[in-house]
Amino acid sequence: MSRKKRIFDIELPDDPAPRVDAPIETPLPNVQRRGPMASAIAENAEALQARASAVAAIRDENDALAHEFVALRDAGHVVVLVPLEDVHTHLLVRDRMPGEDIELADLITSIKELGLSNPIRVAERGDGTGYELVQGFRRWSAYRALQDEGEGDWSKIPALVLPASSDVSGLYRRMVDENVIRKDLSFAEMAQAAMNYAGDPGTDANDLKTAVGRLFQSSPYSKRSYIRSFARVLEALGSVLHYPTEIPRVLGVKLAQEIDSEPGIIGRIKDELHDWDNRSIVDELGVLRRYVGLDQYELPDPEAAPVKKARSVAADAAKTKTTFDLRTRQGRVKCTAAVGRLEIKVDRDFSTMDRARLERAIAALIDGLD
């Protein structure tokens, strides 16, 4: 039997040696791919963590703001609405002297139309029964008047609330300082405030000089001296004076000097003013001027100093004015007379009067001045 030849006789070589420059293949790690559910869970966890961080930041900011608010409120720098009936005026003797306040009507109208632009300041009472008024007696009085009118809700008043304090002296100074800075107190009212301060057992002053020094320590010495002079006048004549707030500075100082040098004039002034109930400001000041030798007071004297320019004459004339009160059937009337101007303030709405009648009344007034 013949032997068949192999058609292909291929000898396969052994595995060749790897090339030096050939890249070395490394096996791929066994990476498991996340499914859609796992990805959603991971994303939700990241969102929750971001939300928790944001909430924590907001909470920290709110805590800081809350602490700041409490600190400002406790220092009396935050305006709150306080029930009007909870505000009392018993702790401090007011720096306002008793009597009709003719300008209160203007304040009432302003608050009614524009609101209260400057809140009052009160202090918490130690027994928790409301607040003591420190600053803003006229504003508080205006709110009470508006509440009595019964139109609108005026039962709460904007206020800055101070914490309860046993420092009565500090509260007195707060009460006085506001009006002194605004130049809203007369010398008589400042003197009365000092007398009240000295007489209050809760303060640290036992005499008038100390009281003036405590209350008006930011004022110059000359002003404190004037206040003490007015206090001397009030001590001697306060019981018979109807218009102490209208006493000019120089008249008050001269009157105090005259009282000290001749105490007998106290009785004579009292006798002259006693039972004179219908006297005006002009009448009362006229009596006081006569006892100190002043017939005219604080009117410019054209011969006192040379006038440099004609414009200065007009300026001095514009500053010259006389203010006085009258008691009429319509009530108390405040009048201001100046060059080219006569102003009359009375609690009455003249816009409701018949025009012809009003014109006749004004004409009669002007004609009667000749």
Protein backbone atom coordinates (compact mmCIF):
# COMPACT_ATOMS: atom_id res chain seq x y z
CA MET A 1 0.00 0.00 0.00
CA SER A 2 1.40 3.26 -1.04
CA ARG A 3 1.87 6.08 1.47
CA LYS A 4 -0.09 9.32 0.90
CA LYS A 5 1.79 12.54 0.76
CA ARG A 6 0.72 15.47 2.95
CA ILE A 7 -0.33 18.29 0.81
CA PHE A 8 0.64 20.90 3.45
CA ASP A 9 3.49 20.36 5.71
CA ILE A 10 3.65 23.43 7.95
CA GLU A 11 5.73 23.49 10.96
CA LEU A 12 4.46 26.02 13.52
CA PRO A 13 7.21 27.74 15.44
CA ASP A 14 7.30 27.98 19.19
CA ASP A 15 5.85 31.12 20.89
CA PRO A 16 8.06 33.99 19.89
CA ALA A 17 9.76 36.10 22.51
CA PRO A 18 7.85 39.28 23.27
CA ARG A 19 9.14 42.48 21.73
CA VAL A 20 10.91 44.80 24.06
CA ASP A 21 8.94 47.79 22.86
CA ALA A 22 5.58 46.06 22.92
CA PRO A 23 3.08 47.39 25.52
CA ILE A 24 2.50 45.24 28.54
CA GLU A 25 -1.09 44.28 28.80
CA THR A 26 -2.55 44.35 32.28
CA PRO A 27 -5.80 42.67 33.16
CA LEU A 28 -8.77 45.01 33.62
CA PRO A 29 -10.14 45.24 37.19
CA ASN A 30 -13.42 43.63 37.89
CA VAL A 31 -15.51 46.85 37.98
CA GLN A 32 -19.17 46.56 38.81
CA ARG A 33 -21.39 49.19 37.15
CA ARG A 34 -24.11 50.89 39.33
CA GLY A 35 -27.62 50.45 38.27
CA PRO A 36 -30.12 53.32 37.87
CA MET A 37 -31.63 52.76 41.34
CA ALA A 38 -28.23 53.01 43.07
CA SER A 39 -27.39 56.19 41.17
CA ALA A 40 -30.71 57.77 42.20
CA ILE A 41 -30.12 56.89 45.85
CA ALA A 42 -26.62 58.37 45.78
CA GLU A 43 -27.81 61.57 44.15
CA ASN A 44 -30.64 61.90 46.69
CA ALA A 45 -28.19 61.43 49.57
CA GLU A 46 -25.96 64.18 48.17
CA ALA A 47 -28.97 66.52 47.82
CA LEU A 48 -30.07 65.80 51.41
CA GLN A 49 -26.60 66.56 52.69
CA ALA A 50 -26.48 69.87 50.80
CA ARG A 51 -29.94 70.76 52.10
CA ALA A 52 -28.92 69.93 55.67
CA SER A 53 -25.85 72.17 55.33
CA ALA A 54 -27.99 75.03 54.01
CA VAL A 55 -30.53 74.63 56.83
CA ALA A 56 -27.74 74.62 59.42
CA ALA A 57 -26.28 77.82 57.94
CA ILE A 58 -29.70 79.51 57.99
CA ARG A 59 -30.28 78.38 61.57
CA ASP A 60 -26.91 79.78 62.66
CA GLU A 61 -27.69 83.10 60.95
CA ASN A 62 -31.14 83.25 62.56
CA ASP A 63 -29.66 82.54 65.98
CA ALA A 64 -27.15 85.36 65.51
CA LEU A 65 -29.91 87.76 64.38
CA ALA A 66 -32.10 86.73 67.31
CA HIS A 67 -29.30 87.41 69.80
CA GLU A 68 -28.64 90.77 68.15
CA PHE A 69 -32.35 91.65 68.27
CA VAL A 70 -32.61 90.74 71.96
CA ALA A 71 -29.54 92.84 72.75
CA LEU A 72 -30.95 95.85 70.86
CA ARG A 73 -34.37 95.41 72.48
CA ASP A 74 -32.92 95.16 75.97
CA ALA A 75 -30.92 98.33 75.30
CA GLY A 76 -34.11 100.15 74.30
CA HIS A 77 -33.32 100.49 70.59
CA VAL A 78 -36.24 98.49 69.16
CA VAL A 79 -39.62 100.14 68.57
CA VAL A 80 -42.59 98.13 69.83
CA LEU A 81 -46.28 98.93 70.16
CA VAL A 82 -47.15 99.43 73.81
CA PRO A 83 -50.76 99.56 75.11
CA LEU A 84 -51.49 103.18 76.00
CA GLU A 85 -53.23 102.14 79.22
CA ASP A 86 -50.04 100.40 80.41
CA VAL A 87 -47.96 103.60 80.29
CA HIS A 88 -47.81 105.37 83.68
CA THR A 89 -46.39 108.73 84.78
CA HIS A 90 -45.96 108.11 88.51
CA LEU A 91 -42.23 107.47 88.94
CA LEU A 92 -40.85 110.75 87.55
CA VAL A 93 -42.15 114.24 88.24
CA ARG A 94 -42.54 115.72 84.76
CA ASP A 95 -40.33 118.50 83.48
CA ARG A 96 -43.38 120.09 81.88
CA MET A 97 -45.04 122.70 84.07
CA PRO A 98 -48.80 122.36 84.54
CA GLY A 99 -51.10 124.43 82.40
CA GLU A 100 -52.84 124.40 79.07
CA ASP A 101 -50.59 123.45 76.16
CA ILE A 102 -51.97 125.45 73.26
CA GLU A 103 -49.57 123.82 70.78
CA LEU A 104 -50.76 120.32 71.66
CA ALA A 105 -53.53 120.66 69.06
CA ASP A 106 -50.89 121.02 66.33
CA LEU A 107 -49.15 117.87 67.52
CA ILE A 108 -52.44 115.96 67.58
CA THR A 109 -53.19 117.00 63.99
CA SER A 110 -49.68 116.01 62.87
CA ILE A 111 -49.94 112.55 64.46
CA LYS A 112 -53.41 112.02 63.04
CA GLU A 113 -52.31 112.89 59.50
CA LEU A 114 -48.70 111.66 59.38
CA GLY A 115 -48.31 109.29 62.31
CA LEU A 116 -45.81 109.43 65.16
CA SER A 117 -42.34 110.05 63.71
CA ASN A 118 -40.51 109.91 67.05
CA PRO A 119 -41.50 107.10 69.45
CA ILE A 120 -41.78 107.69 73.18
CA ARG A 121 -39.32 106.06 75.58
CA VAL A 122 -40.55 104.01 78.53
CA ALA A 123 -39.00 101.82 81.21
CA GLU A 124 -40.42 98.56 82.43
CA ARG A 125 -41.85 98.72 85.93
CA GLY A 126 -40.14 96.52 88.45
CA ASP A 127 -43.37 94.81 89.48
CA GLY A 128 -44.28 93.91 85.88
CA THR A 129 -47.42 96.09 85.84
CA GLY A 130 -46.62 98.07 82.70
CA TYR A 131 -44.21 100.88 81.94
CA GLU A 132 -43.11 104.24 83.31
CA LEU A 133 -42.91 107.13 80.86
CA VAL A 134 -39.38 108.54 80.53
CA GLN A 135 -39.49 110.70 77.38
CA GLY A 136 -42.40 111.93 75.29
CA PHE A 137 -45.00 113.34 77.67
CA ARG A 138 -46.60 115.56 74.98
CA ARG A 139 -46.67 112.68 72.46
CA TRP A 140 -48.28 110.44 75.06
CA SER A 141 -50.79 113.21 75.89
CA ALA A 142 -51.62 113.60 72.19
CA TYR A 143 -52.32 109.86 71.87
CA ARG A 144 -54.60 110.00 74.89
CA ALA A 145 -56.50 112.91 73.33
CA LEU A 146 -56.85 111.00 70.06
CA GLN A 147 -58.08 107.95 71.91
CA ASP A 148 -60.66 110.08 73.73
CA GLU A 149 -61.93 111.38 70.38
CA GLY A 150 -62.96 107.82 69.52
CA GLU A 151 -61.94 108.03 65.85
CA GLY A 152 -59.49 105.33 64.78
CA ASP A 153 -57.46 102.96 66.89
CA TRP A 154 -55.01 104.83 69.12
CA SER A 155 -54.89 102.21 71.87
CA LYS A 156 -51.19 101.42 71.27
CA ILE A 157 -48.29 103.84 70.96
CA PRO A 158 -44.84 103.22 69.38
CA ALA A 159 -42.24 103.10 72.13
CA LEU A 160 -38.63 102.28 72.87
CA VAL A 161 -38.61 100.09 75.97
CA LEU A 162 -35.82 100.28 78.55
CA PRO A 163 -35.35 97.46 81.05
CA ALA A 164 -36.50 97.97 84.62
CA SER A 165 -33.94 100.04 86.52
CA SER A 166 -33.48 101.34 90.02
CA ASP A 167 -31.40 104.25 88.68
CA VAL A 168 -34.02 106.96 89.06
CA SER A 169 -31.35 109.63 88.59
CA GLY A 170 -30.49 108.26 85.15
CA LEU A 171 -34.15 108.22 84.14
CA TYR A 172 -34.54 111.86 85.23
CA ARG A 173 -31.60 112.86 83.09
CA ARG A 174 -32.97 110.97 80.07
CA MET A 175 -36.28 112.80 80.53
CA VAL A 176 -34.67 116.24 80.68
CA ASP A 177 -31.91 115.76 78.10
CA GLU A 178 -34.25 115.20 75.17
CA ASN A 179 -36.02 118.52 75.66
CA VAL A 180 -32.86 120.45 76.49
CA ILE A 181 -31.12 119.24 73.33
CA ARG A 182 -34.14 120.24 71.25
CA LYS A 183 -34.30 123.58 73.13
CA ASP A 184 -37.87 122.73 73.97
CA LEU A 185 -37.80 123.65 77.67
CA SER A 186 -38.03 127.12 79.12
CA PHE A 187 -35.69 128.16 81.94
CA ALA A 188 -38.61 127.91 84.35
CA GLU A 189 -39.28 124.30 83.30
CA MET A 190 -35.61 123.40 83.62
CA ALA A 191 -35.59 124.97 87.09
CA GLN A 192 -38.73 123.05 88.03
CA ALA A 193 -37.15 119.81 86.82
CA ALA A 194 -34.10 120.44 89.01
CA MET A 195 -36.32 121.19 92.02
CA ASN A 196 -38.26 117.96 91.44
CA TYR A 197 -35.00 116.03 91.11
CA ALA A 198 -33.63 117.43 94.36
CA GLY A 199 -36.86 116.64 96.18
CA ASP A 200 -37.14 113.05 94.95
CA PRO A 201 -35.78 110.61 97.56
CA GLY A 202 -34.83 108.19 94.79
CA THR A 203 -32.15 110.49 93.36
CA ASP A 204 -28.62 111.19 94.49
CA ALA A 205 -29.10 114.94 95.01
CA ASN A 206 -30.16 116.60 98.26
CA ASP A 207 -29.88 120.24 97.22
CA LEU A 208 -30.65 122.37 94.19
CA LYS A 209 -27.05 123.05 93.18
CA THR A 210 -26.26 119.34 93.05
CA ALA A 211 -29.50 118.65 91.18
CA VAL A 212 -28.70 121.25 88.50
CA GLY A 213 -25.19 119.84 88.17
CA ARG A 214 -26.47 116.29 87.74
CA LEU A 215 -29.30 117.03 85.31
CA PHE A 216 -27.55 119.64 83.19
CA GLN A 217 -23.94 118.52 83.38
CA SER A 218 -23.59 118.85 79.59
CA SER A 219 -24.67 122.51 79.71
CA PRO A 220 -22.20 125.38 80.21
CA TYR A 221 -21.78 126.90 83.65
CA SER A 222 -23.61 130.11 82.67
CA LYS A 223 -26.73 128.16 81.72
CA ARG A 224 -26.65 126.21 84.98
CA SER A 225 -26.41 129.53 86.80
CA TYR A 226 -29.51 130.83 85.00
CA ILE A 227 -31.42 127.68 85.95
CA ARG A 228 -30.55 128.18 89.63
CA SER A 229 -31.75 131.79 89.40
CA PHE A 230 -35.10 130.69 87.97
CA ALA A 231 -35.40 128.10 90.72
CA ARG A 232 -35.00 130.91 93.26
CA VAL A 233 -37.84 132.80 91.54
CA LEU A 234 -40.10 129.73 91.53
CA GLU A 235 -39.39 129.02 95.18
CA ALA A 236 -40.38 132.57 96.09
CA LEU A 237 -43.23 133.31 93.66
CA GLY A 238 -44.22 130.02 92.04
CA SER A 239 -47.55 129.88 93.87
CA VAL A 240 -48.83 133.11 92.30
CA LEU A 241 -47.28 132.99 88.81
CA HIS A 242 -49.58 131.98 85.97
CA TYR A 243 -47.00 132.21 83.19
CA PRO A 244 -43.57 131.30 84.59
CA THR A 245 -42.52 129.69 81.29
CA GLU A 246 -42.88 133.08 79.57
CA ILE A 247 -40.34 134.84 81.81
CA PRO A 248 -37.33 135.83 79.66
CA ARG A 249 -33.87 134.86 80.78
CA VAL A 250 -32.56 138.30 81.79
CA LEU A 251 -35.78 139.17 83.63
CA GLY A 252 -35.61 135.93 85.60
CA VAL A 253 -31.97 136.48 86.56
CA LYS A 254 -32.58 140.11 87.61
CA LEU A 255 -35.66 139.08 89.56
CA ALA A 256 -33.66 136.45 91.47
CA GLN A 257 -30.98 139.04 92.28
CA GLU A 258 -33.61 141.52 93.48
CA ILE A 259 -35.28 138.88 95.67
CA ASP A 260 -31.95 138.03 97.30
CA SER A 261 -31.07 141.67 97.93
CA GLU A 262 -34.55 142.74 99.07
CA PRO A 263 -36.68 139.76 100.22
CA GLY A 264 -39.55 142.12 101.04
CA ILE A 265 -40.56 142.39 97.39
CA ILE A 266 -41.78 138.80 97.48
CA GLY A 267 -44.78 139.77 99.60
CA ARG A 268 -45.51 142.87 97.52
CA ILE A 269 -45.47 140.94 94.25
CA LYS A 270 -47.72 138.27 95.73
CA ASP A 271 -50.18 140.88 96.98
CA GLU A 272 -50.34 142.50 93.55
CA LEU A 273 -50.89 139.25 91.66
CA HIS A 274 -53.19 137.64 94.20
CA ASP A 275 -56.77 137.11 92.93
CA TRP A 276 -55.89 138.62 89.54
CA ASP A 277 -57.15 135.60 87.62
CA ASN A 278 -57.90 137.24 84.28
CA ARG A 279 -54.42 138.72 83.76
CA SER A 280 -52.53 138.09 80.55
CA ILE A 281 -48.88 137.27 80.02
CA VAL A 282 -48.23 140.93 79.27
CA ASP A 283 -49.87 141.92 82.56
CA GLU A 284 -47.89 139.47 84.65
CA LEU A 285 -44.54 140.22 83.04
CA GLY A 286 -45.26 143.94 83.39
CA VAL A 287 -45.55 143.58 87.16
CA LEU A 288 -42.30 141.61 87.39
CA ARG A 289 -40.44 144.09 85.17
CA ARG A 290 -41.60 147.00 87.27
CA TYR A 291 -40.12 145.48 90.44
CA VAL A 292 -36.70 145.10 88.80
CA GLY A 293 -36.83 148.42 86.94
CA LEU A 294 -37.37 147.03 83.44
CA ASP A 295 -40.25 148.61 81.53
CA GLN A 296 -39.19 147.16 78.18
CA TYR A 297 -37.28 143.96 77.77
CA GLU A 298 -35.26 142.32 75.00
CA LEU A 299 -36.40 144.81 72.35
CA PRO A 300 -33.63 146.08 70.06
CA ASP A 301 -32.36 149.54 70.95
CA PRO A 302 -31.54 151.45 67.74
CA GLU A 303 -29.13 153.71 69.66
CA ALA A 304 -27.28 150.90 71.39
CA ALA A 305 -24.89 150.25 68.48
CA PRO A 306 -24.39 151.76 65.03
CA VAL A 307 -25.98 149.92 62.14
CA LYS A 308 -23.47 149.15 59.44
CA LYS A 309 -25.84 148.28 56.62
CA ALA A 310 -29.46 148.96 55.81
CA ARG A 311 -29.92 145.23 55.41
CA SER A 312 -29.03 144.73 59.08
CA VAL A 313 -31.88 147.03 60.11
CA ALA A 314 -34.37 144.89 58.24
CA ALA A 315 -32.88 141.73 59.73
CA ASP A 316 -33.13 143.11 63.28
CA ALA A 317 -36.70 144.21 62.67
CA ALA A 318 -37.62 140.75 61.40
CA LYS A 319 -36.30 139.20 64.60
CA THR A 320 -38.34 141.53 66.82
CA LYS A 321 -41.53 139.93 68.03
CA THR A 322 -43.85 139.88 71.00
CA THR A 323 -45.61 136.74 72.19
CA PHE A 324 -48.47 136.72 74.66
CA ASP A 325 -51.56 134.73 75.67
CA LEU A 326 -55.11 135.93 76.16
CA ARG A 327 -58.04 134.27 77.84
CA THR A 328 -61.24 134.74 75.84
CA ARG A 329 -64.68 133.20 75.63
CA GLN A 330 -63.23 130.90 72.97
CA GLY A 331 -60.54 129.72 75.38
CA ARG A 332 -56.85 130.50 75.56
CA VAL A 333 -55.45 132.35 72.55
CA LYS A 334 -51.73 132.53 71.74
CA CYS A 335 -50.66 135.63 69.80
CA THR A 336 -47.38 136.46 68.10
CA ALA A 337 -46.85 140.00 66.84
CA ALA A 338 -43.92 140.88 64.59
CA VAL A 339 -43.04 143.33 61.85
CA GLY A 340 -45.69 142.90 59.16
CA ARG A 341 -47.20 139.83 60.81
CA LEU A 342 -49.81 139.06 63.45
CA GLU A 343 -50.38 135.39 64.21
CA ILE A 344 -53.29 134.12 66.30
CA LYS A 345 -53.55 130.52 67.44
CA VAL A 346 -56.79 129.24 68.92
CA ASP A 347 -58.40 125.84 69.04
CA ARG A 348 -60.95 126.55 66.32
CA ASP A 349 -61.38 125.69 62.63
CA PHE A 350 -61.69 129.06 60.88
CA SER A 351 -62.13 127.38 57.49
CA THR A 352 -65.67 126.45 58.49
CA MET A 353 -66.70 130.05 59.17
CA ASP A 354 -68.63 132.16 56.71
CA ARG A 355 -66.09 134.08 54.65
CA ALA A 356 -67.93 137.41 54.83
CA ARG A 357 -68.17 137.16 58.60
CA LEU A 358 -64.49 136.28 58.88
CA GLU A 359 -63.52 139.23 56.67
CA ARG A 360 -65.57 141.63 58.79
CA ALA A 361 -63.96 140.34 61.98
CA ILE A 362 -60.43 140.74 60.58
CA ALA A 363 -61.23 144.21 59.25
CA ALA A 364 -62.58 145.25 62.65
CA LEU A 365 -59.43 143.92 64.29
CA ILE A 366 -57.11 145.82 61.98
CA ASP A 367 -59.17 149.01 62.23
CA GLY A 368 -59.13 148.76 66.01
CA LEU A 369 -55.32 148.81 66.04
CA ASP A 370 -55.16 152.46 64.89
